[in-house]
């Protein structure tokens, strides 16, 4: 019925290609390695890992969510763009949302680093919904913490995800 869009960006000292390769292309493996307490598993239920693939993310015991089902909409390795949509799961705020779509674009940043820009669009079921600024901020903070944990891992392991 409606859509609410939020944008945010994070600056990283990791080069765009390495960040895309690790944070996007190998996220399922790397996130489980870096944050095993936050995520139990990533399960492909349809597809081969490319565009059109549907995955179920099972969150860890300490998470407020149990699962999220998402579909990969686009992978542009040349321009470092990744698009996906959360289709099901308790992250859809007690039934107030039909879906949440994300566009992640990694661009060249200062001193050989990157700027990771994310646009999140919350597709609501009704005019009056339970989405609050506080819930959005909470989600952004969690996403930023995951990003920084991966960034720290890449700094600690400079040989990983290099050509």
N, C-alpha and C. Protein backbone atom coordinates (compact mmCIF):
# COMPACT_ATOMS: atom_id res chain seq x y z
N UNK A 1 0.82 -1.19 0.00
CA UNK A 1 0.00 0.00 0.00
C UNK A 1 0.86 1.25 0.00
N UNK A 2 2.02 1.17 0.63
CA UNK A 2 2.91 2.32 0.66
C UNK A 2 4.35 1.86 0.71
N UNK A 3 5.24 2.83 0.67
CA UNK A 3 6.66 2.51 0.75
C UNK A 3 7.37 3.61 1.54
N UNK A 4 8.27 3.19 2.39
CA UNK A 4 9.09 4.11 3.18
C UNK A 4 10.53 3.78 2.84
N UNK A 5 11.29 4.78 2.42
CA UNK A 5 12.67 4.55 1.99
C UNK A 5 13.64 5.28 2.91
N UNK A 6 14.71 4.59 3.27
CA UNK A 6 15.78 5.16 4.07
C UNK A 6 17.11 4.87 3.39
N UNK A 7 18.03 5.80 3.52
CA UNK A 7 19.36 5.62 2.97
C UNK A 7 20.38 5.85 4.07
N UNK A 8 21.48 5.12 3.98
CA UNK A 8 22.61 5.39 4.85
C UNK A 8 23.88 4.91 4.18
N UNK A 9 25.00 5.42 4.66
CA UNK A 9 26.27 5.00 4.09
C UNK A 9 27.31 4.84 5.19
N UNK A 10 28.25 3.95 4.89
CA UNK A 10 29.34 3.67 5.82
C UNK A 10 30.63 3.76 5.03
N UNK A 11 31.60 4.45 5.58
CA UNK A 11 32.91 4.58 4.95
C UNK A 11 33.81 3.49 5.51
N UNK A 12 34.57 2.87 4.61
CA UNK A 12 35.47 1.78 5.01
C UNK A 12 36.86 2.02 4.44
N UNK A 13 37.84 1.45 5.09
CA UNK A 13 39.22 1.51 4.59
C UNK A 13 39.53 0.34 3.65
N UNK A 14 38.57 -0.57 3.47
CA UNK A 14 38.72 -1.73 2.58
C UNK A 14 38.38 -1.31 1.15
N UNK A 15 39.20 -1.74 0.19
CA UNK A 15 38.97 -1.42 -1.22
C UNK A 15 37.62 -1.99 -1.70
N UNK A 16 36.96 -1.31 -2.65
CA UNK A 16 35.63 -1.74 -3.09
C UNK A 16 35.56 -3.19 -3.58
N UNK A 17 36.49 -3.62 -4.39
CA UNK A 17 36.43 -4.98 -4.95
C UNK A 17 36.54 -6.02 -3.84
N UNK A 18 37.44 -5.81 -2.91
CA UNK A 18 37.62 -6.77 -1.80
C UNK A 18 36.39 -6.77 -0.89
N UNK A 19 35.85 -5.61 -0.64
CA UNK A 19 34.66 -5.51 0.21
C UNK A 19 33.47 -6.20 -0.45
N UNK A 20 33.27 -5.99 -1.74
CA UNK A 20 32.16 -6.63 -2.45
C UNK A 20 32.33 -8.14 -2.47
N UNK A 21 33.54 -8.58 -2.73
CA UNK A 21 33.83 -10.02 -2.79
C UNK A 21 33.53 -10.70 -1.46
N UNK A 22 33.90 -10.06 -0.37
CA UNK A 22 33.72 -10.66 0.96
C UNK A 22 32.32 -10.42 1.52
N UNK A 23 31.92 -9.17 1.58
CA UNK A 23 30.67 -8.76 2.25
C UNK A 23 29.43 -9.14 1.45
N UNK A 24 29.56 -9.27 0.13
CA UNK A 24 28.40 -9.60 -0.70
C UNK A 24 28.51 -11.03 -1.25
N UNK A 25 29.54 -11.29 -2.03
CA UNK A 25 29.62 -12.57 -2.74
C UNK A 25 29.85 -13.77 -1.82
N UNK A 26 30.58 -13.59 -0.73
CA UNK A 26 30.84 -14.71 0.18
C UNK A 26 30.26 -14.45 1.57
N UNK A 27 29.26 -13.61 1.64
CA UNK A 27 28.68 -13.20 2.93
C UNK A 27 28.21 -14.39 3.76
N UNK A 28 27.57 -15.36 3.12
CA UNK A 28 27.03 -16.50 3.87
C UNK A 28 28.12 -17.21 4.67
N UNK A 29 29.26 -17.42 4.07
CA UNK A 29 30.37 -18.09 4.75
C UNK A 29 31.07 -17.17 5.74
N UNK A 30 31.35 -15.95 5.31
CA UNK A 30 32.11 -15.03 6.16
C UNK A 30 31.34 -14.62 7.40
N UNK A 31 30.05 -14.33 7.25
CA UNK A 31 29.26 -13.90 8.40
C UNK A 31 29.17 -15.02 9.44
N UNK A 32 29.01 -16.26 8.99
CA UNK A 32 28.97 -17.38 9.95
C UNK A 32 30.30 -17.53 10.69
N UNK A 33 31.38 -17.24 10.01
CA UNK A 33 32.72 -17.34 10.59
C UNK A 33 32.97 -16.20 11.59
N UNK A 34 32.55 -14.99 11.23
CA UNK A 34 32.82 -13.80 12.03
C UNK A 34 31.80 -13.62 13.16
N UNK A 35 30.54 -13.95 12.91
CA UNK A 35 29.46 -13.73 13.88
C UNK A 35 28.64 -15.00 14.12
N UNK A 36 29.27 -16.08 14.56
CA UNK A 36 28.53 -17.33 14.73
C UNK A 36 27.43 -17.25 15.80
N UNK A 37 27.54 -16.33 16.73
CA UNK A 37 26.52 -16.18 17.76
C UNK A 37 25.27 -15.48 17.23
N UNK A 38 25.41 -14.71 16.16
CA UNK A 38 24.29 -13.95 15.62
C UNK A 38 23.52 -14.69 14.52
N UNK A 39 24.21 -15.61 13.84
CA UNK A 39 23.60 -16.32 12.72
C UNK A 39 23.86 -17.81 12.85
N UNK A 40 22.80 -18.62 12.66
CA UNK A 40 22.94 -20.08 12.70
C UNK A 40 23.32 -20.62 11.33
N UNK A 41 22.57 -20.18 10.30
CA UNK A 41 22.82 -20.73 8.96
C UNK A 41 22.17 -19.89 7.87
N UNK A 42 22.67 -20.11 6.67
CA UNK A 42 22.09 -19.55 5.45
C UNK A 42 21.76 -20.76 4.58
N UNK A 43 20.50 -20.91 4.22
CA UNK A 43 20.05 -22.09 3.50
C UNK A 43 19.44 -21.69 2.15
N UNK A 44 20.04 -22.17 1.07
CA UNK A 44 19.48 -21.91 -0.25
C UNK A 44 18.31 -22.88 -0.46
N UNK A 45 17.12 -22.32 -0.74
CA UNK A 45 15.94 -23.16 -0.97
C UNK A 45 15.54 -23.18 -2.44
N UNK A 46 16.12 -22.26 -3.21
CA UNK A 46 15.84 -22.22 -4.64
C UNK A 46 16.99 -21.47 -5.32
N UNK A 47 17.49 -22.01 -6.43
CA UNK A 47 18.52 -21.32 -7.19
C UNK A 47 19.91 -21.84 -6.92
N UNK A 48 20.88 -21.15 -7.54
CA UNK A 48 22.27 -21.58 -7.48
C UNK A 48 23.20 -20.56 -6.81
N UNK A 49 22.63 -19.58 -6.13
CA UNK A 49 23.43 -18.54 -5.48
C UNK A 49 23.44 -17.24 -6.26
N UNK A 50 22.98 -17.28 -7.51
CA UNK A 50 22.93 -16.07 -8.33
C UNK A 50 21.58 -15.39 -8.26
N UNK A 51 21.34 -14.53 -9.25
CA UNK A 51 20.07 -13.80 -9.32
C UNK A 51 18.91 -14.80 -9.34
N UNK A 52 17.89 -14.51 -8.55
CA UNK A 52 16.72 -15.38 -8.44
C UNK A 52 16.80 -16.36 -7.29
N UNK A 53 17.98 -16.50 -6.70
CA UNK A 53 18.15 -17.42 -5.58
C UNK A 53 17.33 -16.96 -4.38
N UNK A 54 16.69 -17.92 -3.72
CA UNK A 54 15.93 -17.66 -2.50
C UNK A 54 16.66 -18.36 -1.36
N UNK A 55 16.91 -17.61 -0.29
CA UNK A 55 17.63 -18.13 0.88
C UNK A 55 16.81 -17.91 2.13
N UNK A 56 17.01 -18.80 3.09
CA UNK A 56 16.46 -18.58 4.43
C UNK A 56 17.65 -18.38 5.36
N UNK A 57 17.61 -17.29 6.07
CA UNK A 57 18.63 -16.97 7.07
C UNK A 57 18.06 -17.35 8.42
N UNK A 58 18.76 -18.21 9.14
CA UNK A 58 18.35 -18.60 10.49
C UNK A 58 19.25 -17.84 11.46
N UNK A 59 18.63 -17.02 12.30
CA UNK A 59 19.38 -16.18 13.23
C UNK A 59 19.76 -16.96 14.49
N UNK A 60 20.77 -16.47 15.18
CA UNK A 60 21.26 -17.10 16.40
C UNK A 60 20.30 -16.95 17.57
N UNK A 61 20.60 -17.65 18.63
CA UNK A 61 19.74 -17.68 19.82
C UNK A 61 19.52 -16.31 20.43
N UNK A 62 20.50 -15.44 20.39
CA UNK A 62 20.38 -14.13 21.01
C UNK A 62 19.63 -13.10 20.18
N UNK A 63 19.27 -13.45 18.98
CA UNK A 63 18.61 -12.49 18.09
C UNK A 63 17.13 -12.34 18.43
N UNK A 64 16.59 -11.16 18.16
CA UNK A 64 15.15 -10.94 18.35
C UNK A 64 14.35 -11.62 17.24
N UNK A 65 15.02 -11.99 16.15
CA UNK A 65 14.36 -12.64 15.01
C UNK A 65 14.78 -14.10 14.91
N UNK A 66 13.91 -14.91 14.34
CA UNK A 66 14.22 -16.33 14.15
C UNK A 66 14.71 -16.60 12.74
N UNK A 67 14.02 -15.99 11.74
CA UNK A 67 14.42 -16.25 10.35
C UNK A 67 13.98 -15.12 9.44
N UNK A 68 14.62 -15.09 8.27
CA UNK A 68 14.21 -14.18 7.20
C UNK A 68 14.44 -14.93 5.88
N UNK A 69 13.49 -14.80 4.99
CA UNK A 69 13.60 -15.42 3.68
C UNK A 69 13.82 -14.30 2.68
N UNK A 70 14.93 -14.40 1.91
CA UNK A 70 15.15 -13.34 0.95
C UNK A 70 15.51 -13.86 -0.43
N UNK A 71 15.28 -13.00 -1.42
CA UNK A 71 15.53 -13.34 -2.81
C UNK A 71 16.55 -12.36 -3.37
N UNK A 72 17.53 -12.89 -4.10
CA UNK A 72 18.53 -12.04 -4.74
C UNK A 72 17.94 -11.50 -6.04
N UNK A 73 17.90 -10.19 -6.15
CA UNK A 73 17.30 -9.53 -7.31
C UNK A 73 18.34 -9.13 -8.36
N UNK A 74 19.54 -8.78 -7.93
CA UNK A 74 20.59 -8.36 -8.87
C UNK A 74 21.95 -8.49 -8.22
N UNK A 75 22.92 -8.94 -9.02
CA UNK A 75 24.33 -8.94 -8.61
C UNK A 75 25.09 -8.33 -9.78
N UNK A 76 25.67 -7.16 -9.58
CA UNK A 76 26.45 -6.48 -10.60
C UNK A 76 27.88 -6.37 -10.09
N UNK A 77 28.70 -7.37 -10.43
CA UNK A 77 30.07 -7.43 -9.93
C UNK A 77 30.95 -6.33 -10.51
N UNK A 78 30.62 -5.85 -11.68
CA UNK A 78 31.43 -4.81 -12.31
C UNK A 78 31.25 -3.46 -11.62
N UNK A 79 30.02 -3.15 -11.21
CA UNK A 79 29.71 -1.87 -10.57
C UNK A 79 29.50 -1.99 -9.06
N UNK A 80 29.73 -3.19 -8.52
CA UNK A 80 29.61 -3.44 -7.08
C UNK A 80 28.23 -3.07 -6.53
N UNK A 81 27.19 -3.60 -7.19
CA UNK A 81 25.81 -3.36 -6.79
C UNK A 81 25.15 -4.71 -6.48
N UNK A 82 24.42 -4.75 -5.37
CA UNK A 82 23.71 -5.96 -4.95
C UNK A 82 22.32 -5.54 -4.51
N UNK A 83 21.31 -6.24 -5.04
CA UNK A 83 19.92 -5.95 -4.66
C UNK A 83 19.26 -7.24 -4.19
N UNK A 84 18.53 -7.14 -3.09
CA UNK A 84 17.78 -8.29 -2.60
C UNK A 84 16.53 -7.81 -1.87
N UNK A 85 15.59 -8.75 -1.69
CA UNK A 85 14.33 -8.44 -1.04
C UNK A 85 14.02 -9.47 0.03
N UNK A 86 13.68 -9.01 1.22
CA UNK A 86 13.20 -9.90 2.27
C UNK A 86 11.72 -10.12 2.00
N UNK A 87 11.35 -11.40 1.80
CA UNK A 87 9.99 -11.77 1.42
C UNK A 87 9.14 -12.26 2.58
N UNK A 88 9.79 -12.92 3.55
CA UNK A 88 9.09 -13.50 4.69
C UNK A 88 9.99 -13.42 5.91
N UNK A 89 9.37 -13.61 7.07
CA UNK A 89 10.14 -13.69 8.31
C UNK A 89 9.63 -12.71 9.35
N UNK A 90 10.10 -12.91 10.56
CA UNK A 90 9.64 -12.06 11.65
C UNK A 90 10.28 -10.68 11.62
N UNK A 91 11.23 -10.44 10.73
CA UNK A 91 11.80 -9.11 10.55
C UNK A 91 10.81 -8.17 9.86
N UNK A 92 9.71 -8.72 9.37
CA UNK A 92 8.72 -7.89 8.68
C UNK A 92 7.75 -7.22 9.65
N UNK A 93 8.19 -7.02 10.87
CA UNK A 93 7.52 -6.24 11.90
C UNK A 93 6.05 -6.61 12.09
N UNK A 94 5.87 -7.78 12.64
CA UNK A 94 4.53 -8.26 13.06
C UNK A 94 3.47 -8.11 11.98
N UNK A 95 3.84 -8.40 10.75
CA UNK A 95 2.85 -8.39 9.69
C UNK A 95 2.53 -7.03 9.09
N UNK A 96 3.25 -5.98 9.50
CA UNK A 96 2.99 -4.65 8.96
C UNK A 96 3.58 -4.47 7.57
N UNK A 97 4.51 -5.34 7.20
CA UNK A 97 5.22 -5.18 5.93
C UNK A 97 4.96 -6.33 4.97
N UNK A 98 4.87 -6.00 3.70
CA UNK A 98 4.83 -7.03 2.65
C UNK A 98 6.25 -7.53 2.39
N UNK A 99 7.20 -6.59 2.34
CA UNK A 99 8.59 -6.93 2.04
C UNK A 99 9.49 -5.74 2.37
N UNK A 100 10.79 -6.01 2.36
CA UNK A 100 11.79 -4.95 2.48
C UNK A 100 12.79 -5.19 1.37
N UNK A 101 13.03 -4.19 0.55
CA UNK A 101 14.02 -4.34 -0.51
C UNK A 101 15.24 -3.48 -0.20
N UNK A 102 16.39 -4.01 -0.59
CA UNK A 102 17.66 -3.35 -0.31
C UNK A 102 18.46 -3.21 -1.59
N UNK A 103 19.14 -2.07 -1.71
CA UNK A 103 20.12 -1.87 -2.76
C UNK A 103 21.41 -1.47 -2.05
N UNK A 104 22.45 -2.26 -2.27
CA UNK A 104 23.76 -1.97 -1.69
C UNK A 104 24.70 -1.64 -2.84
N UNK A 105 25.34 -0.49 -2.76
CA UNK A 105 26.29 -0.07 -3.78
C UNK A 105 27.59 0.31 -3.07
N UNK A 106 28.67 -0.30 -3.52
CA UNK A 106 29.98 0.00 -2.94
C UNK A 106 30.76 0.81 -3.97
N UNK A 107 31.18 2.00 -3.54
CA UNK A 107 31.91 2.91 -4.42
C UNK A 107 33.30 3.17 -3.86
N UNK A 108 34.16 3.66 -4.73
CA UNK A 108 35.51 4.04 -4.29
C UNK A 108 35.39 5.17 -3.27
N UNK A 109 36.19 5.05 -2.23
CA UNK A 109 36.19 6.05 -1.17
C UNK A 109 37.57 6.66 -1.02
N UNK A 110 37.77 7.40 0.03
CA UNK A 110 39.06 8.06 0.26
C UNK A 110 40.19 7.06 0.55
N UNK A 111 41.38 7.41 0.08
CA UNK A 111 42.61 6.66 0.37
C UNK A 111 42.53 5.18 0.00
N UNK A 112 41.86 4.86 -1.11
CA UNK A 112 41.78 3.47 -1.56
C UNK A 112 40.69 2.66 -0.88
N UNK A 113 39.93 3.29 -0.03
CA UNK A 113 38.86 2.60 0.68
C UNK A 113 37.55 2.62 -0.09
N UNK A 114 36.44 2.49 0.63
CA UNK A 114 35.12 2.39 0.00
C UNK A 114 34.09 3.23 0.75
N UNK A 115 33.00 3.47 0.04
CA UNK A 115 31.80 4.00 0.66
C UNK A 115 30.70 3.01 0.32
N UNK A 116 30.10 2.42 1.34
CA UNK A 116 29.04 1.45 1.15
C UNK A 116 27.71 2.16 1.38
N UNK A 117 26.94 2.32 0.28
CA UNK A 117 25.67 3.03 0.34
C UNK A 117 24.53 2.01 0.29
N UNK A 118 23.61 2.12 1.22
CA UNK A 118 22.47 1.21 1.28
C UNK A 118 21.17 2.00 1.24
N UNK A 119 20.27 1.56 0.37
CA UNK A 119 18.92 2.11 0.31
C UNK A 119 17.97 0.99 0.71
N UNK A 120 17.18 1.22 1.73
CA UNK A 120 16.21 0.24 2.23
C UNK A 120 14.82 0.78 1.97
N UNK A 121 13.98 -0.04 1.34
CA UNK A 121 12.60 0.37 1.08
C UNK A 121 11.67 -0.62 1.77
N UNK A 122 10.87 -0.10 2.69
CA UNK A 122 9.92 -0.89 3.46
C UNK A 122 8.56 -0.78 2.76
N UNK A 123 8.08 -1.89 2.22
CA UNK A 123 6.81 -1.93 1.51
C UNK A 123 5.72 -2.31 2.52
N UNK A 124 4.88 -1.34 2.87
CA UNK A 124 3.90 -1.54 3.93
C UNK A 124 2.60 -2.13 3.37
N UNK A 125 1.89 -2.85 4.26
CA UNK A 125 0.61 -3.45 3.89
C UNK A 125 -0.53 -2.45 4.02
N UNK A 126 -0.36 -1.47 4.87
CA UNK A 126 -1.45 -0.53 5.11
C UNK A 126 -0.90 0.86 5.37
N UNK A 127 -1.76 1.81 5.35
CA UNK A 127 -1.40 3.22 5.54
C UNK A 127 -0.77 3.45 6.91
N UNK A 128 -1.41 2.92 7.95
CA UNK A 128 -0.89 3.09 9.31
C UNK A 128 -0.18 1.80 9.70
N UNK A 129 1.10 1.92 9.88
CA UNK A 129 1.94 0.75 10.10
C UNK A 129 2.73 0.90 11.40
N UNK A 130 3.35 -0.18 11.82
CA UNK A 130 4.10 -0.18 13.07
C UNK A 130 5.58 0.15 12.91
N UNK A 131 5.95 0.71 11.78
CA UNK A 131 7.35 1.06 11.56
C UNK A 131 7.63 2.40 12.20
N UNK A 132 8.60 2.42 13.10
CA UNK A 132 8.96 3.67 13.77
C UNK A 132 10.41 4.01 13.46
N UNK A 133 10.75 5.27 13.64
CA UNK A 133 12.14 5.71 13.47
C UNK A 133 13.07 4.89 14.37
N UNK A 134 12.58 4.59 15.56
CA UNK A 134 13.38 3.83 16.53
C UNK A 134 13.71 2.43 15.99
N UNK A 135 12.72 1.76 15.40
CA UNK A 135 12.95 0.43 14.84
C UNK A 135 13.91 0.48 13.65
N UNK A 136 13.77 1.51 12.82
CA UNK A 136 14.67 1.68 11.68
C UNK A 136 16.09 1.94 12.17
N UNK A 137 16.24 2.81 13.14
CA UNK A 137 17.57 3.13 13.70
C UNK A 137 18.20 1.87 14.30
N UNK A 138 17.41 1.10 15.00
CA UNK A 138 17.88 -0.14 15.62
C UNK A 138 18.42 -1.10 14.54
N UNK A 139 17.67 -1.24 13.45
CA UNK A 139 18.11 -2.09 12.35
C UNK A 139 19.38 -1.60 11.70
N UNK A 140 19.49 -0.28 11.52
CA UNK A 140 20.70 0.31 10.93
C UNK A 140 21.91 0.05 11.82
N UNK A 141 21.73 0.19 13.12
CA UNK A 141 22.84 -0.03 14.06
C UNK A 141 23.32 -1.48 14.02
N UNK A 142 22.39 -2.42 13.92
CA UNK A 142 22.76 -3.83 13.84
C UNK A 142 23.50 -4.11 12.53
N UNK A 143 23.00 -3.54 11.44
CA UNK A 143 23.67 -3.73 10.15
C UNK A 143 25.07 -3.12 10.17
N UNK A 144 25.20 -1.97 10.79
CA UNK A 144 26.51 -1.31 10.90
C UNK A 144 27.47 -2.16 11.74
N UNK A 145 26.98 -2.78 12.80
CA UNK A 145 27.82 -3.63 13.64
C UNK A 145 28.31 -4.85 12.87
N UNK A 146 27.45 -5.45 12.06
CA UNK A 146 27.85 -6.59 11.21
C UNK A 146 28.92 -6.13 10.23
N UNK A 147 28.69 -4.99 9.60
CA UNK A 147 29.64 -4.43 8.64
C UNK A 147 31.00 -4.23 9.30
N UNK A 148 31.03 -3.60 10.47
CA UNK A 148 32.29 -3.33 11.15
C UNK A 148 32.99 -4.61 11.63
N UNK A 149 32.21 -5.62 12.00
CA UNK A 149 32.82 -6.91 12.39
C UNK A 149 33.51 -7.55 11.18
N UNK A 150 32.88 -7.48 10.03
CA UNK A 150 33.50 -8.03 8.82
C UNK A 150 34.71 -7.21 8.44
N UNK A 151 34.61 -5.90 8.53
CA UNK A 151 35.73 -5.02 8.22
C UNK A 151 36.93 -5.34 9.14
N UNK A 152 36.68 -5.53 10.42
CA UNK A 152 37.74 -5.87 11.37
C UNK A 152 38.38 -7.21 11.01
N UNK A 153 37.56 -8.18 10.61
CA UNK A 153 38.08 -9.48 10.20
C UNK A 153 38.99 -9.33 8.98
N UNK A 154 38.57 -8.51 8.03
CA UNK A 154 39.37 -8.32 6.82
C UNK A 154 40.70 -7.63 7.14
N UNK A 155 40.69 -6.70 8.08
CA UNK A 155 41.95 -6.06 8.50
C UNK A 155 42.87 -7.07 9.19
N UNK A 156 42.29 -7.95 9.98
CA UNK A 156 43.07 -8.96 10.70
C UNK A 156 43.58 -10.07 9.77
N UNK A 157 42.96 -10.22 8.60
CA UNK A 157 43.33 -11.26 7.64
C UNK A 157 43.51 -10.62 6.26
N UNK A 158 44.58 -9.84 6.08
CA UNK A 158 44.75 -9.07 4.84
C UNK A 158 44.91 -9.91 3.58
N UNK A 159 45.19 -11.18 3.73
CA UNK A 159 45.36 -12.06 2.57
C UNK A 159 44.04 -12.60 2.03
N UNK A 160 42.97 -12.52 2.82
CA UNK A 160 41.67 -13.05 2.40
C UNK A 160 40.98 -12.10 1.42
N UNK A 161 40.34 -12.70 0.43
CA UNK A 161 39.52 -12.00 -0.57
C UNK A 161 40.32 -11.04 -1.44
N UNK A 162 41.58 -11.31 -1.60
CA UNK A 162 42.39 -10.54 -2.54
C UNK A 162 42.48 -11.33 -3.82
N UNK A 163 42.76 -10.64 -4.92
CA UNK A 163 42.84 -11.34 -6.22
C UNK A 163 43.88 -12.37 -6.24
